[in-house]
PDB file of all heavy atoms in Angstrom:
ATOM      1  N   MET A   1      15.384-163.778  57.491  1.00  0.00           N
ATOM      2  CA  MET A   1      15.033-163.647  56.107  1.00  0.00           C
ATOM      3  C   MET A   1      13.532-163.377  55.979  1.00  0.00           C
ATOM      4  O   MET A   1      12.708-164.005  56.656  1.00  0.00           O
ATOM      5  CB  MET A   1      15.357-165.084  55.455  1.00  0.00           C
ATOM      6  CG  MET A   1      15.174-165.006  54.008  1.00  0.00           C
ATOM      7  SD  MET A   1      15.749-166.752  53.172  1.00  0.00           S
ATOM      8  CE  MET A   1      15.453-166.410  51.499  1.00  0.00           C
ATOM      9  N   TYR A   2      13.314-162.459  55.114  1.00  0.00           N
ATOM     10  CA  TYR A   2      11.866-161.948  54.966  1.00  0.00           C
ATOM     11  C   TYR A   2      11.017-162.938  54.185  1.00  0.00           C
ATOM     12  O   TYR A   2      11.498-163.481  53.176  1.00  0.00           O
ATOM     13  CB  TYR A   2      11.886-160.578  54.280  1.00  0.00           C
ATOM     14  CG  TYR A   2      12.426-159.373  55.158  1.00  0.00           C
ATOM     15  CD1 TYR A   2      13.547-158.620  54.568  1.00  0.00           C
ATOM     16  CD2 TYR A   2      12.077-159.252  56.397  1.00  0.00           C
ATOM     17  CE1 TYR A   2      14.153-157.703  55.344  1.00  0.00           C
ATOM     18  CE2 TYR A   2      12.810-158.205  57.164  1.00  0.00           C
ATOM     19  CZ  TYR A   2      13.679-157.470  56.502  1.00  0.00           C
ATOM     20  OH  TYR A   2      14.312-156.398  57.386  1.00  0.00           O
ATOM     21  N   ASP A   3       9.848-162.958  54.454  1.00  0.00           N
ATOM     22  CA  ASP A   3       8.866-163.695  53.785  1.00  0.00           C
ATOM     23  C   ASP A   3       8.565-162.926  52.555  1.00  0.00           C
ATOM     24  O   ASP A   3       8.215-161.610  52.504  1.00  0.00           O
ATOM     25  CB  ASP A   3       7.581-163.830  54.625  1.00  0.00           C
ATOM     26  CG  ASP A   3       6.591-164.780  53.960  1.00  0.00           C
ATOM     27  OD1 ASP A   3       6.840-165.198  52.794  1.00  0.00           O
ATOM     28  OD2 ASP A   3       5.569-164.905  54.577  1.00  0.00           O
ATOM     29  N   VAL A   4       8.647-163.673  51.330  1.00  0.00           N
ATOM     30  CA  VAL A   4       8.497-162.899  50.089  1.00  0.00           C
ATOM     31  C   VAL A   4       6.939-163.123  49.634  1.00  0.00           C
ATOM     32  O   VAL A   4       6.618-162.458  48.622  1.00  0.00           O
ATOM     33  CB  VAL A   4       9.360-163.454  48.880  1.00  0.00           C
ATOM     34  CG1 VAL A   4      10.839-163.122  49.384  1.00  0.00           C
ATOM     35  CG2 VAL A   4       9.199-165.020  48.744  1.00  0.00           C
ATOM     36  N   VAL A   5       6.241-163.757  50.237  1.00  0.00           N
ATOM     37  CA  VAL A   5       4.790-163.863  49.955  1.00  0.00           C
ATOM     38  C   VAL A   5       4.022-162.705  50.239  1.00  0.00           C
ATOM     39  O   VAL A   5       4.039-162.204  51.447  1.00  0.00           O
ATOM     40  CB  VAL A   5       4.145-165.037  50.632  1.00  0.00           C
ATOM     41  CG1 VAL A   5       2.587-165.204  50.238  1.00  0.00           C
ATOM     42  CG2 VAL A   5       4.870-166.326  50.265  1.00  0.00           C
ATOM     43  N   PRO A   6       3.326-161.919  49.306  1.00  0.00           N
ATOM     44  CA  PRO A   6       2.782-160.686  49.808  1.00  0.00           C
ATOM     45  C   PRO A   6       1.548-160.983  50.695  1.00  0.00           C
ATOM     46  O   PRO A   6       0.701-161.807  50.337  1.00  0.00           O
ATOM     47  CB  PRO A   6       2.204-160.183  48.362  1.00  0.00           C
ATOM     48  CG  PRO A   6       2.197-161.302  47.465  1.00  0.00           C
ATOM     49  CD  PRO A   6       3.295-162.261  48.026  1.00  0.00           C
ATOM     50  N   ILE A   7       1.467-160.094  51.658  1.00  0.00           N
ATOM     51  CA  ILE A   7       0.354-160.223  52.628  1.00  0.00           C
ATOM     52  C   ILE A   7      -0.651-159.129  52.324  1.00  0.00           C
ATOM     53  O   ILE A   7      -0.252-157.901  52.432  1.00  0.00           O
ATOM     54  CB  ILE A   7       0.748-160.117  54.087  1.00  0.00           C
ATOM     55  CG1 ILE A   7       1.760-161.240  54.462  1.00  0.00           C
ATOM     56  CG2 ILE A   7      -0.381-160.217  54.953  1.00  0.00           C
ATOM     57  CD1 ILE A   7       2.416-161.278  55.762  1.00  0.00           C
ATOM     58  N   ALA A   8      -1.761-159.336  51.925  1.00  0.00           N
ATOM     59  CA  ALA A   8      -2.745-158.312  51.602  1.00  0.00           C
ATOM     60  C   ALA A   8      -4.171-158.872  51.759  1.00  0.00           C
ATOM     61  O   ALA A   8      -4.324-160.132  52.020  1.00  0.00           O
ATOM     62  CB  ALA A   8      -2.655-157.839  50.133  1.00  0.00           C
ATOM     63  N   SER A   9      -5.337-158.011  51.523  1.00  0.00           N
ATOM     64  CA  SER A   9      -6.576-158.485  51.740  1.00  0.00           C
ATOM     65  C   SER A   9      -6.881-159.481  50.521  1.00  0.00           C
ATOM     66  O   SER A   9      -6.225-159.250  49.391  1.00  0.00           O
ATOM     67  CB  SER A   9      -7.560-157.305  51.691  1.00  0.00           C
ATOM     68  OG  SER A   9      -7.487-156.688  50.425  1.00  0.00           O
ATOM     69  N   THR A  10      -7.909-160.238  50.647  1.00  0.00           N
ATOM     70  CA  THR A  10      -8.166-161.147  49.464  1.00  0.00           C
ATOM     71  C   THR A  10      -8.499-160.381  48.265  1.00  0.00           C
ATOM     72  O   THR A  10      -8.063-160.728  47.153  1.00  0.00           O
ATOM     73  CB  THR A  10      -9.202-162.029  49.939  1.00  0.00           C
ATOM     74  OG1 THR A  10      -8.869-162.894  51.036  1.00  0.00           O
ATOM     75  CG2 THR A  10      -9.623-163.147  48.881  1.00  0.00           C
ATOM     76  N   PRO A  11      -9.393-159.306  48.311  1.00  0.00           N
ATOM     77  CA  PRO A  11      -9.639-158.575  47.125  1.00  0.00           C
ATOM     78  C   PRO A  11      -8.418-158.015  46.528  1.00  0.00           C
ATOM     79  O   PRO A  11      -8.228-158.006  45.255  1.00  0.00           O
ATOM     80  CB  PRO A  11     -10.606-157.488  47.525  1.00  0.00           C
ATOM     81  CG  PRO A  11     -11.297-158.036  48.867  1.00  0.00           C
ATOM     82  CD  PRO A  11     -10.161-158.864  49.444  1.00  0.00           C
ATOM     83  N   ASP A  12      -7.467-157.576  47.274  1.00  0.00           N
ATOM     84  CA  ASP A  12      -6.191-156.923  46.697  1.00  0.00           C
ATOM     85  C   ASP A  12      -5.326-157.976  46.043  1.00  0.00           C
ATOM     86  O   ASP A  12      -4.722-157.712  45.015  1.00  0.00           O
ATOM     87  CB  ASP A  12      -5.430-156.171  47.859  1.00  0.00           C
ATOM     88  CG  ASP A  12      -6.064-154.776  48.062  1.00  0.00           C
ATOM     89  OD1 ASP A  12      -6.973-154.438  47.431  1.00  0.00           O
ATOM     90  OD2 ASP A  12      -5.658-154.222  49.204  1.00  0.00           O
ATOM     91  N   VAL A  13      -5.381-159.133  46.685  1.00  0.00           N
ATOM     92  CA  VAL A  13      -4.606-160.173  45.966  1.00  0.00           C
ATOM     93  C   VAL A  13      -5.234-160.672  44.623  1.00  0.00           C
ATOM     94  O   VAL A  13      -4.512-160.787  43.628  1.00  0.00           O
ATOM     95  CB  VAL A  13      -4.591-161.471  46.997  1.00  0.00           C
ATOM     96  CG1 VAL A  13      -3.927-162.700  46.229  1.00  0.00           C
ATOM     97  CG2 VAL A  13      -3.746-161.235  48.079  1.00  0.00           C
ATOM     98  N   LEU A  14      -6.540-160.728  44.630  1.00  0.00           N
ATOM     99  CA  LEU A  14      -7.198-161.107  43.423  1.00  0.00           C
ATOM    100  C   LEU A  14      -7.055-160.017  42.277  1.00  0.00           C
ATOM    101  O   LEU A  14      -7.001-160.386  41.155  1.00  0.00           O
ATOM    102  CB  LEU A  14      -8.586-161.298  43.694  1.00  0.00           C
ATOM    103  CG  LEU A  14      -9.124-162.472  44.534  1.00  0.00           C
ATOM    104  CD1 LEU A  14     -10.386-162.515  44.898  1.00  0.00           C
ATOM    105  CD2 LEU A  14      -8.703-163.836  43.751  1.00  0.00           C
ATOM    106  N   ARG A  15      -6.830-158.786  42.670  1.00  0.00           N
ATOM    107  CA  ARG A  15      -6.630-157.732  41.762  1.00  0.00           C
ATOM    108  C   ARG A  15      -5.301-157.795  40.937  1.00  0.00           C
ATOM    109  O   ARG A  15      -5.303-157.299  39.789  1.00  0.00           O
ATOM    110  CB  ARG A  15      -6.774-156.329  42.407  1.00  0.00           C
ATOM    111  CG  ARG A  15      -8.040-155.870  42.825  1.00  0.00           C
ATOM    112  CD  ARG A  15      -8.078-154.482  43.482  1.00  0.00           C
ATOM    113  NE  ARG A  15      -9.346-154.063  43.701  1.00  0.00           N
ATOM    114  CZ  ARG A  15      -9.975-154.137  44.937  1.00  0.00           C
ATOM    115  NH1 ARG A  15      -9.388-154.626  45.943  1.00  0.00           N
ATOM    116  NH2 ARG A  15     -11.292-153.720  45.027  1.00  0.00           N
ATOM    117  N   LEU A  16      -4.431-158.647  41.372  1.00  0.00           N
ATOM    118  CA  LEU A  16      -3.136-158.785  40.817  1.00  0.00           C
ATOM    119  C   LEU A  16      -3.365-159.519  39.442  1.00  0.00           C
ATOM    120  O   LEU A  16      -2.341-159.536  38.668  1.00  0.00           O
ATOM    121  CB  LEU A  16      -2.128-159.502  41.728  1.00  0.00           C
ATOM    122  CG  LEU A  16      -1.626-158.703  42.992  1.00  0.00           C
ATOM    123  CD1 LEU A  16      -0.729-159.360  43.749  1.00  0.00           C
ATOM    124  CD2 LEU A  16      -0.925-157.415  42.476  1.00  0.00           C
ATOM    125  N   VAL A  17      -4.393-160.258  39.254  1.00  0.00           N
ATOM    126  CA  VAL A  17      -4.672-160.832  38.023  1.00  0.00           C
ATOM    127  C   VAL A  17      -4.524-159.931  36.930  1.00  0.00           C
ATOM    128  O   VAL A  17      -4.350-160.311  35.721  1.00  0.00           O
ATOM    129  CB  VAL A  17      -5.927-161.753  37.927  1.00  0.00           C
ATOM    130  CG1 VAL A  17      -7.170-160.671  37.911  1.00  0.00           C
ATOM    131  CG2 VAL A  17      -5.910-162.673  36.875  1.00  0.00           C
ATOM    132  N   ALA A  18      -4.950-158.652  37.125  1.00  0.00           N
ATOM    133  CA  ALA A  18      -4.773-157.603  36.143  1.00  0.00           C
ATOM    134  C   ALA A  18      -3.428-157.497  35.424  1.00  0.00           C
ATOM    135  O   ALA A  18      -3.366-157.072  34.311  1.00  0.00           O
ATOM    136  CB  ALA A  18      -5.313-156.163  36.684  1.00  0.00           C
ATOM    137  N   VAL A  19      -2.309-157.715  36.254  1.00  0.00           N
ATOM    138  CA  VAL A  19      -0.973-157.497  35.699  1.00  0.00           C
ATOM    139  C   VAL A  19      -0.805-158.426  34.550  1.00  0.00           C
ATOM    140  O   VAL A  19      -0.268-157.958  33.438  1.00  0.00           O
ATOM    141  CB  VAL A  19       0.012-157.820  36.959  1.00  0.00           C
ATOM    142  CG1 VAL A  19       1.503-157.652  36.308  1.00  0.00           C
ATOM    143  CG2 VAL A  19      -0.174-156.667  37.983  1.00  0.00           C
ATOM    144  N   PRO A  20      -0.835-159.792  34.691  1.00  0.00           N
ATOM    145  CA  PRO A  20      -0.557-160.609  33.462  1.00  0.00           C
ATOM    146  C   PRO A  20      -1.601-160.328  32.378  1.00  0.00           C
ATOM    147  O   PRO A  20      -1.211-160.447  31.171  1.00  0.00           O
ATOM    148  CB  PRO A  20      -0.751-162.137  33.960  1.00  0.00           C
ATOM    149  CG  PRO A  20      -1.489-161.946  35.276  1.00  0.00           C
ATOM    150  CD  PRO A  20      -1.172-160.631  35.833  1.00  0.00           C
ATOM    151  N   VAL A  21      -2.880-159.967  32.674  1.00  0.00           N
ATOM    152  CA  VAL A  21      -3.884-159.715  31.676  1.00  0.00           C
ATOM    153  C   VAL A  21      -3.452-158.454  30.829  1.00  0.00           C
ATOM    154  O   VAL A  21      -3.407-158.491  29.607  1.00  0.00           O
ATOM    155  CB  VAL A  21      -5.293-159.532  32.141  1.00  0.00           C
ATOM    156  CG1 VAL A  21      -6.117-159.093  31.117  1.00  0.00           C
ATOM    157  CG2 VAL A  21      -5.774-160.856  32.809  1.00  0.00           C
ATOM    158  N   PHE A  22      -3.063-157.362  31.492  1.00  0.00           N
ATOM    159  CA  PHE A  22      -2.618-156.128  30.798  1.00  0.00           C
ATOM    160  C   PHE A  22      -1.215-156.402  30.095  1.00  0.00           C
ATOM    161  O   PHE A  22      -1.113-155.688  29.068  1.00  0.00           O
ATOM    162  CB  PHE A  22      -2.583-155.119  31.750  1.00  0.00           C
ATOM    163  CG  PHE A  22      -3.939-154.366  32.031  1.00  0.00           C
ATOM    164  CD1 PHE A  22      -4.888-154.888  32.875  1.00  0.00           C
ATOM    165  CD2 PHE A  22      -4.155-153.151  31.250  1.00  0.00           C
ATOM    166  CE1 PHE A  22      -6.077-154.339  32.976  1.00  0.00           C
ATOM    167  CE2 PHE A  22      -5.460-152.535  31.463  1.00  0.00           C
ATOM    168  CZ  PHE A  22      -6.399-152.968  32.265  1.00  0.00           C
ATOM    169  N   ALA A  23      -0.482-157.162  30.634  1.00  0.00           N
ATOM    170  CA  ALA A  23       0.799-157.560  29.945  1.00  0.00           C
ATOM    171  C   ALA A  23       0.529-158.230  28.583  1.00  0.00           C
ATOM    172  O   ALA A  23       1.078-157.751  27.632  1.00  0.00           O
ATOM    173  CB  ALA A  23       1.731-158.367  30.911  1.00  0.00           C
ATOM    174  N   TRP A  24      -0.270-159.186  28.665  1.00  0.00           N
ATOM    175  CA  TRP A  24      -0.677-159.816  27.327  1.00  0.00           C
ATOM    176  C   TRP A  24      -1.311-158.898  26.378  1.00  0.00           C
ATOM    177  O   TRP A  24      -1.018-158.923  25.233  1.00  0.00           O
ATOM    178  CB  TRP A  24      -1.563-161.031  27.692  1.00  0.00           C
ATOM    179  CG  TRP A  24      -2.143-161.725  26.434  1.00  0.00           C
ATOM    180  CD1 TRP A  24      -1.552-162.776  25.785  1.00  0.00           C
ATOM    181  CD2 TRP A  24      -3.369-161.436  25.799  1.00  0.00           C
ATOM    182  NE1 TRP A  24      -2.355-163.107  24.721  1.00  0.00           N
ATOM    183  CE2 TRP A  24      -3.504-162.298  24.679  1.00  0.00           C
ATOM    184  CE3 TRP A  24      -4.414-160.475  26.023  1.00  0.00           C
ATOM    185  CZ2 TRP A  24      -4.580-162.293  23.756  1.00  0.00           C
ATOM    186  CZ3 TRP A  24      -5.447-160.353  25.144  1.00  0.00           C
ATOM    187  CH2 TRP A  24      -5.566-161.441  24.101  1.00  0.00           C
ATOM    188  N   ALA A  25      -2.220-158.055  26.859  1.00  0.00           N
ATOM    189  CA  ALA A  25      -3.047-157.116  26.001  1.00  0.00           C
ATOM    190  C   ALA A  25      -2.093-156.094  25.381  1.00  0.00           C
ATOM    191  O   ALA A  25      -2.069-155.692  24.233  1.00  0.00           O
ATOM    192  CB  ALA A  25      -4.206-156.426  26.815  1.00  0.00           C
ATOM    193  N   ALA A  26      -1.158-155.638  26.235  1.00  0.00           N
ATOM    194  CA  ALA A  26      -0.201-154.652  25.658  1.00  0.00           C
ATOM    195  C   ALA A  26       0.760-155.252  24.503  1.00  0.00           C
ATOM    196  O   ALA A  26       0.916-154.646  23.468  1.00  0.00           O
ATOM    197  CB  ALA A  26       0.700-154.187  26.760  1.00  0.00           C
ATOM    198  N   VAL A  27       1.132-156.568  24.731  1.00  0.00           N
ATOM    199  CA  VAL A  27       2.026-157.111  23.777  1.00  0.00           C
ATOM    200  C   VAL A  27       1.226-157.427  22.455  1.00  0.00           C
ATOM    201  O   VAL A  27       1.601-157.167  21.371  1.00  0.00           O
ATOM    202  CB  VAL A  27       2.638-158.522  24.314  1.00  0.00           C
ATOM    203  CG1 VAL A  27       3.254-159.297  23.126  1.00  0.00           C
ATOM    204  CG2 VAL A  27       3.635-158.221  25.309  1.00  0.00           C
ATOM    205  N   ARG A  28      -0.120-157.890  22.655  1.00  0.00           N
ATOM    206  CA  ARG A  28      -0.936-158.161  21.545  1.00  0.00           C
ATOM    207  C   ARG A  28      -1.211-156.930  20.832  1.00  0.00           C
ATOM    208  O   ARG A  28      -1.294-156.942  19.441  1.00  0.00           O
ATOM    209  CB  ARG A  28      -2.177-158.976  21.914  1.00  0.00           C
ATOM    210  CG  ARG A  28      -3.073-159.216  20.906  1.00  0.00           C
ATOM    211  CD  ARG A  28      -4.240-160.187  21.195  1.00  0.00           C
ATOM    212  NE  ARG A  28      -5.193-160.294  20.124  1.00  0.00           N
ATOM    213  CZ  ARG A  28      -4.905-161.151  19.128  1.00  0.00           C
ATOM    214  NH1 ARG A  28      -3.753-161.972  19.109  1.00  0.00           N
ATOM    215  NH2 ARG A  28      -5.798-161.298  18.149  1.00  0.00           N
ATOM    216  N   ASP A  29      -1.537-155.803  21.488  1.00  0.00           N
ATOM    217  CA  ASP A  29      -1.863-154.557  20.865  1.00  0.00           C
ATOM    218  C   ASP A  29      -0.684-154.045  20.033  1.00  0.00           C
ATOM    219  O   ASP A  29      -0.780-153.478  18.966  1.00  0.00           O
ATOM    220  CB  ASP A  29      -2.120-153.553  21.917  1.00  0.00           C
ATOM    221  CG  ASP A  29      -3.284-152.529  21.348  1.00  0.00           C
ATOM    222  OD1 ASP A  29      -3.729-152.775  20.273  1.00  0.00           O
ATOM    223  OD2 ASP A  29      -3.509-151.545  22.021  1.00  0.00           O
ATOM    224  N   VAL A  30       0.536-154.233  20.493  1.00  0.00           N
ATOM    225  CA  VAL A  30       1.711-153.829  19.750  1.00  0.00           C
ATOM    226  C   VAL A  30       1.936-154.676  18.386  1.00  0.00           C
ATOM    227  O   VAL A  30       2.053-154.121  17.351  1.00  0.00           O
ATOM    228  CB  VAL A  30       2.991-153.944  20.506  1.00  0.00           C
ATOM    229  CG1 VAL A  30       4.264-153.868  19.641  1.00  0.00           C
ATOM    230  CG2 VAL A  30       3.025-152.910  21.743  1.00  0.00           C
ATOM    231  N   LYS A  31       1.498-155.877  18.543  1.00  0.00           N
ATOM    232  CA  LYS A  31       1.770-156.904  17.383  1.00  0.00           C
ATOM    233  C   LYS A  31       0.581-156.841  16.400  1.00  0.00           C
ATOM    234  O   LYS A  31       0.857-156.886  15.198  1.00  0.00           O
ATOM    235  CB  LYS A  31       1.911-158.394  17.854  1.00  0.00           C
ATOM    236  CG  LYS A  31       3.251-158.633  18.624  1.00  0.00           C
ATOM    237  CD  LYS A  31       3.341-159.969  18.982  1.00  0.00           C
ATOM    238  CE  LYS A  31       4.669-160.381  19.612  1.00  0.00           C
ATOM    239  NZ  LYS A  31       4.822-161.781  20.105  1.00  0.00           N
ATOM    240  N   THR A  32      -0.667-156.637  16.969  1.00  0.00           N
ATOM    241  CA  THR A  32      -1.712-156.817  15.888  1.00  0.00           C
ATOM    242  C   THR A  32      -2.643-155.454  15.932  1.00  0.00           C
ATOM    243  O   THR A  32      -3.408-155.394  14.983  1.00  0.00           O
ATOM    244  CB  THR A  32      -2.678-157.878  16.433  1.00  0.00           C
ATOM    245  OG1 THR A  32      -3.271-157.669  17.591  1.00  0.00           O
ATOM    246  CG2 THR A  32      -1.811-159.137  16.519  1.00  0.00           C
ATOM    247  N   ARG A  33      -2.505-154.665  16.923  1.00  0.00           N
ATOM    248  CA  ARG A  33      -3.401-153.362  17.065  1.00  0.00           C
ATOM    249  C   ARG A  33      -4.803-153.812  17.139  1.00  0.00           C
ATOM    250  O   ARG A  33      -5.767-153.130  16.866  1.00  0.00           O
ATOM    251  CB  ARG A  33      -3.264-152.456  15.812  1.00  0.00           C
ATOM    252  CG  ARG A  33      -1.830-151.817  15.626  1.00  0.00           C
ATOM    253  CD  ARG A  33      -1.461-151.029  16.894  1.00  0.00           C
ATOM    254  NE  ARG A  33      -0.420-150.078  16.619  1.00  0.00           N
ATOM    255  CZ  ARG A  33       0.873-150.348  16.606  1.00  0.00           C
ATOM    256  NH1 ARG A  33       1.262-151.555  16.968  1.00  0.00           N
ATOM    257  NH2 ARG A  33       1.712-149.438  16.341  1.00  0.00           N
ATOM    258  N   ARG A  34      -5.045-154.964  17.683  1.00  0.00           N
ATOM    259  CA  ARG A  34      -6.473-155.564  17.827  1.00  0.00           C
ATOM    260  C   ARG A  34      -6.605-156.259  19.181  1.00  0.00           C
ATOM    261  O   ARG A  34      -5.861-157.249  19.465  1.00  0.00           O
ATOM    262  CB  ARG A  34      -6.843-156.518  16.705  1.00  0.00           C
ATOM    263  CG  ARG A  34      -6.761-156.079  15.255  1.00  0.00           C
ATOM    264  CD  ARG A  34      -7.652-154.833  14.975  1.00  0.00           C
ATOM    265  NE  ARG A  34      -7.812-154.463  13.490  1.00  0.00           N
ATOM    266  CZ  ARG A  34      -6.809-153.677  13.113  1.00  0.00           C
ATOM    267  NH1 ARG A  34      -5.806-153.183  13.857  1.00  0.00           N
ATOM    268  NH2 ARG A  34      -6.974-153.347  11.769  1.00  0.00           N
ATOM    269  N   ILE A  35      -7.562-155.801  20.001  1.00  0.00           N
ATOM    270  CA  ILE A  35      -7.802-156.466  21.324  1.00  0.00           C
ATOM    271  C   ILE A  35      -9.402-156.813  21.265  1.00  0.00           C
ATOM    272  O   ILE A  35     -10.119-155.869  21.086  1.00  0.00           O
ATOM    273  CB  ILE A  35      -7.451-155.561  22.497  1.00  0.00           C
ATOM    274  CG1 ILE A  35      -5.876-155.284  22.384  1.00  0.00           C
ATOM    275  CG2 ILE A  35      -7.833-156.227  23.721  1.00  0.00           C
ATOM    276  CD1 ILE A  35      -5.026-156.346  22.589  1.00  0.00           C
ATOM    277  N   SER A  36      -9.628-158.019  21.394  1.00  0.00           N
ATOM    278  CA  SER A  36     -11.057-158.371  21.469  1.00  0.00           C
ATOM    279  C   SER A  36     -11.713-157.866  22.697  1.00  0.00           C
ATOM    280  O   SER A  36     -11.168-157.810  23.726  1.00  0.00           O
ATOM    281  CB  SER A  36     -11.196-159.898  21.451  1.00  0.00           C
ATOM    282  OG  SER A  36     -12.536-160.273  21.592  1.00  0.00           O
ATOM    283  N   SER A  37     -12.894-157.422  22.616  1.00  0.00           N
ATOM    284  CA  SER A  37     -13.765-157.003  23.728  1.00  0.00           C
ATOM    285  C   SER A  37     -13.935-157.900  24.829  1.00  0.00           C
ATOM    286  O   SER A  37     -14.126-157.662  26.090  1.00  0.00           O
ATOM    287  CB  SER A  37     -15.082-156.290  23.312  1.00  0.00           C
ATOM    288  OG  SER A  37     -14.829-155.214  22.450  1.00  0.00           O
ATOM    289  N   SER A  38     -13.887-159.286  24.352  1.00  0.00           N
ATOM    290  CA  SER A  38     -14.073-160.340  25.323  1.00  0.00           C
ATOM    291  C   SER A  38     -13.019-160.458  26.301  1.00  0.00           C
ATOM    292  O   SER A  38     -13.174-161.121  27.416  1.00  0.00           O
ATOM    293  CB  SER A  38     -14.038-161.732  24.513  1.00  0.00           C
ATOM    294  OG  SER A  38     -12.956-161.956  23.785  1.00  0.00           O
ATOM    295  N   VAL A  39     -11.805-159.832  26.097  1.00  0.00           N
ATOM    296  CA  VAL A  39     -10.680-159.846  27.032  1.00  0.00           C
ATOM    297  C   VAL A  39     -11.154-159.169  28.251  1.00  0.00           C
ATOM    298  O   VAL A  39     -10.703-159.588  29.480  1.00  0.00           O
ATOM    299  CB  VAL A  39      -9.493-159.178  26.416  1.00  0.00           C
ATOM    300  CG1 VAL A  39      -8.419-158.946  27.535  1.00  0.00           C
ATOM    301  CG2 VAL A  39      -8.933-159.997  25.298  1.00  0.00           C
ATOM    302  N   TRP A  40     -12.118-158.056  28.180  1.00  0.00           N
ATOM    303  CA  TRP A  40     -12.334-157.303  29.312  1.00  0.00           C
ATOM    304  C   TRP A  40     -13.543-157.722  30.115  1.00  0.00           C
ATOM    305  O   TRP A  40     -13.802-157.258  31.271  1.00  0.00           O
ATOM    306  CB  TRP A  40     -12.467-155.777  28.921  1.00  0.00           C
ATOM    307  CG  TRP A  40     -11.461-155.252  28.064  1.00  0.00           C
ATOM    308  CD1 TRP A  40     -11.510-154.901  26.774  1.00  0.00           C
ATOM    309  CD2 TRP A  40     -10.023-155.066  28.381  1.00  0.00           C
ATOM    310  NE1 TRP A  40     -10.294-154.530  26.312  1.00  0.00           N
ATOM    311  CE2 TRP A  40      -9.401-154.602  27.261  1.00  0.00           C
ATOM    312  CE3 TRP A  40      -9.343-155.358  29.578  1.00  0.00           C
ATOM    313  CZ2 TRP A  40      -7.938-154.343  27.255  1.00  0.00           C
ATOM    314  CZ3 TRP A  40      -7.958-155.060  29.603  1.00  0.00           C
ATOM    315  CH2 TRP A  40      -7.315-154.604  28.398  1.00  0.00           C
ATOM    316  N   VAL A  41     -14.212-158.625  29.517  1.00  0.00           N
ATOM    317  CA  VAL A  41     -15.586-159.145  30.182  1.00  0.00           C
ATOM    318  C   VAL A  41     -15.218-159.825  31.552  1.00  0.00           C
ATOM    319  O   VAL A  41     -15.862-159.508  32.528  1.00  0.00           O
ATOM    320  CB  VAL A  41     -16.386-159.997  29.241  1.00  0.00           C
ATOM    321  CG1 VAL A  41     -17.497-160.661  29.969  1.00  0.00           C
ATOM    322  CG2 VAL A  41     -16.802-159.236  28.025  1.00  0.00           C
ATOM    323  N   PRO A  42     -14.289-160.890  31.587  1.00  0.00           N
ATOM    324  CA  PRO A  42     -14.121-161.523  32.832  1.00  0.00           C
ATOM    325  C   PRO A  42     -13.453-160.633  33.912  1.00  0.00           C
ATOM    326  O   PRO A  42     -13.747-160.651  34.979  1.00  0.00           O
ATOM    327  CB  PRO A  42     -13.292-162.819  32.473  1.00  0.00           C
ATOM    328  CG  PRO A  42     -12.642-162.356  31.035  1.00  0.00           C
ATOM    329  CD  PRO A  42     -13.635-161.618  30.444  1.00  0.00           C
ATOM    330  N   LEU A  43     -12.540-159.656  33.410  1.00  0.00           N
ATOM    331  CA  LEU A  43     -11.922-158.815  34.296  1.00  0.00           C
ATOM    332  C   LEU A  43     -12.964-157.885  34.865  1.00  0.00           C
ATOM    333  O   LEU A  43     -12.884-157.404  36.041  1.00  0.00           O
ATOM    334  CB  LEU A  43     -10.691-158.111  33.603  1.00  0.00           C
ATOM    335  CG  LEU A  43      -9.596-157.530  34.405  1.00  0.00           C
ATOM    336  CD1 LEU A  43      -9.151-158.655  35.302  1.00  0.00           C
ATOM    337  CD2 LEU A  43      -8.556-156.910  33.600  1.00  0.00           C
ATOM    338  N   SER A  44     -13.854-157.373  34.006  1.00  0.00           N
ATOM    339  CA  SER A  44     -14.951-156.492  34.465  1.00  0.00           C
ATOM    340  C   SER A  44     -15.723-157.175  35.519  1.00  0.00           C
ATOM    341  O   SER A  44     -16.086-156.541  36.535  1.00  0.00           O
ATOM    342  CB  SER A  44     -15.768-155.993  33.279  1.00  0.00           C
ATOM    343  OG  SER A  44     -14.989-155.246  32.409  1.00  0.00           O
TER     344      SER A  44
END
């Protein structure tokens, strides 16, 4: 049985935080057409 835990470098693992952030931003943009610039500060 395969291990389902992704093996990657630490930076690449940390980069995956972009997936939930962009998912939230996409949903919010559809609903409100407004995304605060503060969303991108910690990700930057």
